[in-house]
Amino acid sequence: MDEGFATYFGGAQRYYCLESSTQMALYGFQTLEVCFENKDELGVLIEEIVNFKNVFFGNFIKYLIDFHGSEYALHALKTNKTNDELDLLIDLHMLPDETFNDFVF
């Protein structure tokens, strides 16, 4: 989440803004035919795709701010420190019929 805030406000991947970094990541996903059908695969993808974690969490922070406001996003940053807490936060914002793959894209 810390890196997500930094990416959202400052950019990622050596001076690229969040939008540019996201487009680069999506191009990489399409080229590699990446599929995120469950969160268990996320760790492997973080190792294979440079800055994926920063781009994902930067966009997640953008989502939280856009839909719930900056105070909610700051609260999420302060209170979700473990992987389990982050999983619960992500699950909280997924629609019941939505796969993780759909959520990522």
N, C-alpha and C. Protein backbone atom coordinates (compact mmCIF):
# COMPACT_ATOMS: atom_id res chain seq x y z
N MET A 1 0.82 -1.19 0.00
CA MET A 1 0.00 0.00 0.00
C MET A 1 0.87 1.26 0.00
N ASP A 2 1.99 1.24 0.72
CA ASP A 2 2.89 2.40 0.74
C ASP A 2 3.37 2.72 -0.67
N GLU A 3 3.81 1.69 -1.39
CA GLU A 3 4.27 1.88 -2.76
C GLU A 3 3.14 2.31 -3.68
N GLY A 4 1.92 1.85 -3.38
CA GLY A 4 0.76 2.27 -4.16
C GLY A 4 0.52 3.77 -4.06
N PHE A 5 0.63 4.30 -2.84
CA PHE A 5 0.49 5.75 -2.66
C PHE A 5 1.59 6.49 -3.41
N ALA A 6 2.82 6.00 -3.28
CA ALA A 6 3.94 6.65 -3.97
C ALA A 6 3.74 6.61 -5.48
N THR A 7 3.28 5.49 -5.99
CA THR A 7 3.05 5.36 -7.43
C THR A 7 1.90 6.25 -7.88
N TYR A 8 0.84 6.30 -7.10
CA TYR A 8 -0.32 7.12 -7.45
C TYR A 8 0.06 8.61 -7.51
N PHE A 9 0.78 9.07 -6.50
CA PHE A 9 1.09 10.49 -6.44
C PHE A 9 2.35 10.87 -7.21
N GLY A 10 3.29 9.93 -7.37
CA GLY A 10 4.56 10.31 -7.99
C GLY A 10 4.92 9.58 -9.25
N GLY A 11 4.26 8.48 -9.55
CA GLY A 11 4.58 7.72 -10.74
C GLY A 11 5.37 6.47 -10.42
N ALA A 12 5.71 5.73 -11.43
CA ALA A 12 6.43 4.46 -11.27
C ALA A 12 7.33 4.23 -12.47
N GLN A 13 8.10 3.19 -12.39
CA GLN A 13 8.94 2.75 -13.51
C GLN A 13 9.77 3.90 -14.07
N ARG A 14 10.56 4.48 -13.23
CA ARG A 14 11.49 5.54 -13.62
C ARG A 14 10.81 6.72 -14.28
N TYR A 15 10.04 7.41 -13.52
CA TYR A 15 9.47 8.70 -13.93
C TYR A 15 8.26 8.61 -14.84
N TYR A 16 7.67 7.44 -15.02
CA TYR A 16 6.42 7.35 -15.77
C TYR A 16 5.25 7.61 -14.83
N CYS A 17 4.27 8.36 -15.30
CA CYS A 17 3.09 8.59 -14.48
C CYS A 17 2.31 7.28 -14.36
N LEU A 18 1.36 7.26 -13.45
CA LEU A 18 0.57 6.04 -13.22
C LEU A 18 -0.11 5.57 -14.49
N GLU A 19 -0.68 6.48 -15.26
CA GLU A 19 -1.38 6.10 -16.49
C GLU A 19 -0.43 5.43 -17.49
N SER A 20 0.76 6.01 -17.68
CA SER A 20 1.73 5.42 -18.60
C SER A 20 2.21 4.06 -18.10
N SER A 21 2.49 3.97 -16.80
CA SER A 21 2.93 2.69 -16.23
C SER A 21 1.87 1.62 -16.39
N THR A 22 0.61 2.02 -16.21
CA THR A 22 -0.50 1.08 -16.35
C THR A 22 -0.58 0.57 -17.79
N GLN A 23 -0.45 1.47 -18.74
CA GLN A 23 -0.50 1.06 -20.15
C GLN A 23 0.65 0.11 -20.48
N MET A 24 1.84 0.39 -19.94
CA MET A 24 2.99 -0.50 -20.16
C MET A 24 2.73 -1.87 -19.56
N ALA A 25 2.16 -1.90 -18.35
CA ALA A 25 1.87 -3.17 -17.70
C ALA A 25 0.81 -3.94 -18.48
N LEU A 26 -0.25 -3.27 -18.93
CA LEU A 26 -1.29 -3.95 -19.71
C LEU A 26 -0.72 -4.53 -21.00
N TYR A 27 0.17 -3.79 -21.64
CA TYR A 27 0.80 -4.31 -22.86
C TYR A 27 1.59 -5.58 -22.54
N GLY A 28 2.32 -5.55 -21.41
CA GLY A 28 3.06 -6.74 -20.99
C GLY A 28 2.14 -7.91 -20.69
N PHE A 29 1.01 -7.64 -20.04
CA PHE A 29 0.05 -8.70 -19.71
C PHE A 29 -0.50 -9.33 -20.99
N GLN A 30 -0.84 -8.49 -21.95
CA GLN A 30 -1.40 -9.00 -23.21
C GLN A 30 -0.35 -9.79 -23.99
N THR A 31 0.87 -9.30 -24.01
CA THR A 31 1.95 -9.98 -24.72
C THR A 31 2.23 -11.35 -24.11
N LEU A 32 2.24 -11.41 -22.77
CA LEU A 32 2.53 -12.67 -22.08
C LEU A 32 1.27 -13.51 -21.85
N GLU A 33 0.11 -12.98 -22.26
CA GLU A 33 -1.18 -13.64 -22.04
C GLU A 33 -1.38 -13.98 -20.56
N VAL A 34 -1.11 -12.99 -19.72
CA VAL A 34 -1.22 -13.15 -18.27
C VAL A 34 -2.69 -13.22 -17.87
N CYS A 35 -2.99 -14.12 -16.95
CA CYS A 35 -4.35 -14.23 -16.41
C CYS A 35 -4.25 -14.29 -14.90
N PHE A 36 -5.07 -13.49 -14.23
CA PHE A 36 -5.07 -13.41 -12.77
C PHE A 36 -6.32 -14.06 -12.22
N GLU A 37 -6.49 -15.33 -12.40
CA GLU A 37 -7.75 -15.95 -11.97
C GLU A 37 -7.84 -16.09 -10.45
N ASN A 38 -6.72 -16.07 -9.76
CA ASN A 38 -6.79 -16.04 -8.30
C ASN A 38 -5.57 -15.33 -7.73
N LYS A 39 -5.72 -14.87 -6.52
CA LYS A 39 -4.66 -14.07 -5.90
C LYS A 39 -3.42 -14.89 -5.57
N ASP A 40 -3.54 -16.22 -5.53
CA ASP A 40 -2.37 -17.03 -5.23
C ASP A 40 -1.29 -16.91 -6.30
N GLU A 41 -1.70 -16.58 -7.53
CA GLU A 41 -0.74 -16.43 -8.62
C GLU A 41 -0.05 -15.07 -8.59
N LEU A 42 -0.54 -14.17 -7.76
CA LEU A 42 -0.03 -12.81 -7.76
C LEU A 42 1.45 -12.74 -7.41
N GLY A 43 1.91 -13.53 -6.44
CA GLY A 43 3.31 -13.53 -6.05
C GLY A 43 4.24 -13.89 -7.18
N VAL A 44 3.86 -14.87 -7.99
CA VAL A 44 4.67 -15.28 -9.14
C VAL A 44 4.74 -14.14 -10.15
N LEU A 45 3.62 -13.50 -10.39
CA LEU A 45 3.58 -12.42 -11.38
C LEU A 45 4.39 -11.22 -10.93
N ILE A 46 4.39 -10.96 -9.64
CA ILE A 46 5.20 -9.84 -9.13
C ILE A 46 6.67 -10.07 -9.45
N GLU A 47 7.11 -11.32 -9.37
CA GLU A 47 8.50 -11.63 -9.67
C GLU A 47 8.79 -11.51 -11.16
N GLU A 48 7.81 -11.81 -12.01
CA GLU A 48 8.04 -11.84 -13.46
C GLU A 48 7.85 -10.49 -14.14
N ILE A 49 7.00 -9.64 -13.60
CA ILE A 49 6.66 -8.39 -14.25
C ILE A 49 7.16 -7.24 -13.38
N VAL A 50 8.10 -6.48 -13.90
CA VAL A 50 8.73 -5.40 -13.14
C VAL A 50 7.69 -4.36 -12.76
N ASN A 51 7.68 -4.01 -11.51
CA ASN A 51 6.82 -2.96 -10.97
C ASN A 51 5.33 -3.27 -11.04
N PHE A 52 4.95 -4.53 -11.28
CA PHE A 52 3.52 -4.85 -11.32
C PHE A 52 2.85 -4.46 -10.01
N LYS A 53 3.49 -4.80 -8.90
CA LYS A 53 2.91 -4.52 -7.59
C LYS A 53 2.65 -3.02 -7.43
N ASN A 54 3.61 -2.20 -7.83
CA ASN A 54 3.44 -0.75 -7.69
C ASN A 54 2.29 -0.24 -8.57
N VAL A 55 2.22 -0.75 -9.80
CA VAL A 55 1.16 -0.32 -10.72
C VAL A 55 -0.20 -0.78 -10.20
N PHE A 56 -0.28 -2.04 -9.74
CA PHE A 56 -1.55 -2.55 -9.23
C PHE A 56 -2.02 -1.73 -8.04
N PHE A 57 -1.15 -1.55 -7.05
CA PHE A 57 -1.56 -0.83 -5.85
C PHE A 57 -1.73 0.67 -6.11
N GLY A 58 -1.00 1.23 -7.06
CA GLY A 58 -1.24 2.62 -7.45
C GLY A 58 -2.64 2.80 -7.99
N ASN A 59 -3.07 1.86 -8.83
CA ASN A 59 -4.43 1.91 -9.36
C ASN A 59 -5.47 1.58 -8.29
N PHE A 60 -5.11 0.71 -7.36
CA PHE A 60 -6.03 0.40 -6.27
C PHE A 60 -6.25 1.63 -5.39
N ILE A 61 -5.17 2.37 -5.11
CA ILE A 61 -5.29 3.62 -4.36
C ILE A 61 -6.15 4.61 -5.13
N LYS A 62 -5.94 4.71 -6.44
CA LYS A 62 -6.77 5.59 -7.27
C LYS A 62 -8.24 5.20 -7.16
N TYR A 63 -8.51 3.90 -7.22
CA TYR A 63 -9.88 3.40 -7.08
C TYR A 63 -10.46 3.81 -5.71
N LEU A 64 -9.70 3.59 -4.64
CA LEU A 64 -10.20 3.93 -3.31
C LEU A 64 -10.49 5.42 -3.18
N ILE A 65 -9.59 6.26 -3.71
CA ILE A 65 -9.80 7.70 -3.64
C ILE A 65 -10.99 8.12 -4.50
N ASP A 66 -11.06 7.61 -5.71
CA ASP A 66 -12.14 7.99 -6.63
C ASP A 66 -13.52 7.61 -6.10
N PHE A 67 -13.61 6.42 -5.49
CA PHE A 67 -14.92 5.92 -5.08
C PHE A 67 -15.25 6.11 -3.60
N HIS A 68 -14.22 6.30 -2.78
CA HIS A 68 -14.48 6.39 -1.34
C HIS A 68 -13.86 7.62 -0.68
N GLY A 69 -13.03 8.34 -1.40
CA GLY A 69 -12.43 9.56 -0.86
C GLY A 69 -11.04 9.33 -0.29
N SER A 70 -10.30 10.43 -0.17
CA SER A 70 -8.91 10.34 0.28
C SER A 70 -8.80 9.89 1.74
N GLU A 71 -9.75 10.27 2.59
CA GLU A 71 -9.68 9.85 4.00
C GLU A 71 -9.81 8.34 4.12
N TYR A 72 -10.68 7.74 3.33
CA TYR A 72 -10.83 6.28 3.34
C TYR A 72 -9.53 5.62 2.89
N ALA A 73 -8.93 6.16 1.83
CA ALA A 73 -7.67 5.58 1.33
C ALA A 73 -6.57 5.69 2.37
N LEU A 74 -6.47 6.83 3.05
CA LEU A 74 -5.47 7.00 4.11
C LEU A 74 -5.73 6.04 5.26
N HIS A 75 -6.99 5.85 5.61
CA HIS A 75 -7.34 4.90 6.66
C HIS A 75 -6.92 3.48 6.25
N ALA A 76 -7.17 3.13 5.00
CA ALA A 76 -6.77 1.81 4.50
C ALA A 76 -5.25 1.64 4.58
N LEU A 77 -4.51 2.68 4.26
CA LEU A 77 -3.06 2.64 4.34
C LEU A 77 -2.58 2.41 5.76
N LYS A 78 -3.21 3.06 6.71
CA LYS A 78 -2.80 2.97 8.11
C LYS A 78 -3.18 1.64 8.76
N THR A 79 -4.27 1.04 8.32
CA THR A 79 -4.81 -0.12 9.04
C THR A 79 -4.58 -1.46 8.36
N ASN A 80 -4.14 -1.49 7.12
CA ASN A 80 -3.95 -2.76 6.40
C ASN A 80 -2.46 -2.99 6.15
N LYS A 81 -1.82 -3.66 7.09
CA LYS A 81 -0.37 -3.83 7.03
C LYS A 81 0.06 -5.24 6.63
N THR A 82 -0.74 -6.26 6.92
CA THR A 82 -0.33 -7.62 6.60
C THR A 82 -0.93 -8.06 5.27
N ASN A 83 -0.40 -9.13 4.70
CA ASN A 83 -0.95 -9.67 3.46
C ASN A 83 -2.40 -10.10 3.64
N ASP A 84 -2.71 -10.70 4.78
CA ASP A 84 -4.10 -11.13 5.04
C ASP A 84 -5.04 -9.92 5.09
N GLU A 85 -4.61 -8.84 5.71
CA GLU A 85 -5.44 -7.64 5.78
C GLU A 85 -5.65 -7.04 4.39
N LEU A 86 -4.60 -7.05 3.57
CA LEU A 86 -4.73 -6.55 2.21
C LEU A 86 -5.67 -7.43 1.39
N ASP A 87 -5.57 -8.75 1.55
CA ASP A 87 -6.49 -9.66 0.86
C ASP A 87 -7.94 -9.35 1.21
N LEU A 88 -8.19 -9.13 2.50
CA LEU A 88 -9.55 -8.81 2.94
C LEU A 88 -10.03 -7.48 2.35
N LEU A 89 -9.14 -6.49 2.32
CA LEU A 89 -9.51 -5.20 1.74
C LEU A 89 -9.84 -5.33 0.26
N ILE A 90 -9.02 -6.07 -0.48
CA ILE A 90 -9.28 -6.30 -1.90
C ILE A 90 -10.59 -7.05 -2.09
N ASP A 91 -10.78 -8.10 -1.30
CA ASP A 91 -12.03 -8.88 -1.39
C ASP A 91 -13.25 -8.02 -1.11
N LEU A 92 -13.12 -7.08 -0.17
CA LEU A 92 -14.22 -6.21 0.19
C LEU A 92 -14.69 -5.37 -1.00
N HIS A 93 -13.79 -5.06 -1.91
CA HIS A 93 -14.11 -4.18 -3.03
C HIS A 93 -14.38 -4.91 -4.33
N MET A 94 -14.40 -6.23 -4.29
CA MET A 94 -14.74 -7.01 -5.49
C MET A 94 -16.23 -7.30 -5.49
N LEU A 95 -16.84 -7.23 -6.65
CA LEU A 95 -18.23 -7.63 -6.76
C LEU A 95 -18.32 -9.14 -6.61
N PRO A 96 -19.41 -9.66 -6.06
CA PRO A 96 -19.51 -11.11 -5.81
C PRO A 96 -19.29 -11.97 -7.05
N ASP A 97 -19.70 -11.52 -8.23
CA ASP A 97 -19.55 -12.34 -9.42
C ASP A 97 -18.29 -12.01 -10.22
N GLU A 98 -17.43 -11.24 -9.64
CA GLU A 98 -16.24 -10.79 -10.34
C GLU A 98 -15.04 -11.67 -10.00
N THR A 99 -14.30 -12.10 -10.99
CA THR A 99 -13.08 -12.85 -10.72
C THR A 99 -11.96 -11.86 -10.43
N PHE A 100 -10.88 -12.34 -9.85
CA PHE A 100 -9.74 -11.47 -9.58
C PHE A 100 -9.16 -10.93 -10.88
N ASN A 101 -9.18 -11.74 -11.92
CA ASN A 101 -8.71 -11.31 -13.22
C ASN A 101 -9.49 -10.07 -13.69
N ASP A 102 -10.81 -10.13 -13.60
CA ASP A 102 -11.64 -8.99 -13.99
C ASP A 102 -11.34 -7.77 -13.12
N PHE A 103 -11.15 -8.01 -11.83
CA PHE A 103 -10.87 -6.92 -10.90
C PHE A 103 -9.56 -6.22 -11.28
N VAL A 104 -8.52 -7.01 -11.61
CA VAL A 104 -7.23 -6.42 -11.95
C VAL A 104 -7.37 -5.55 -13.20
N PHE A 105 -8.01 -6.09 -14.22
CA PHE A 105 -8.12 -5.33 -15.46
C PHE A 105 -9.11 -4.19 -15.33
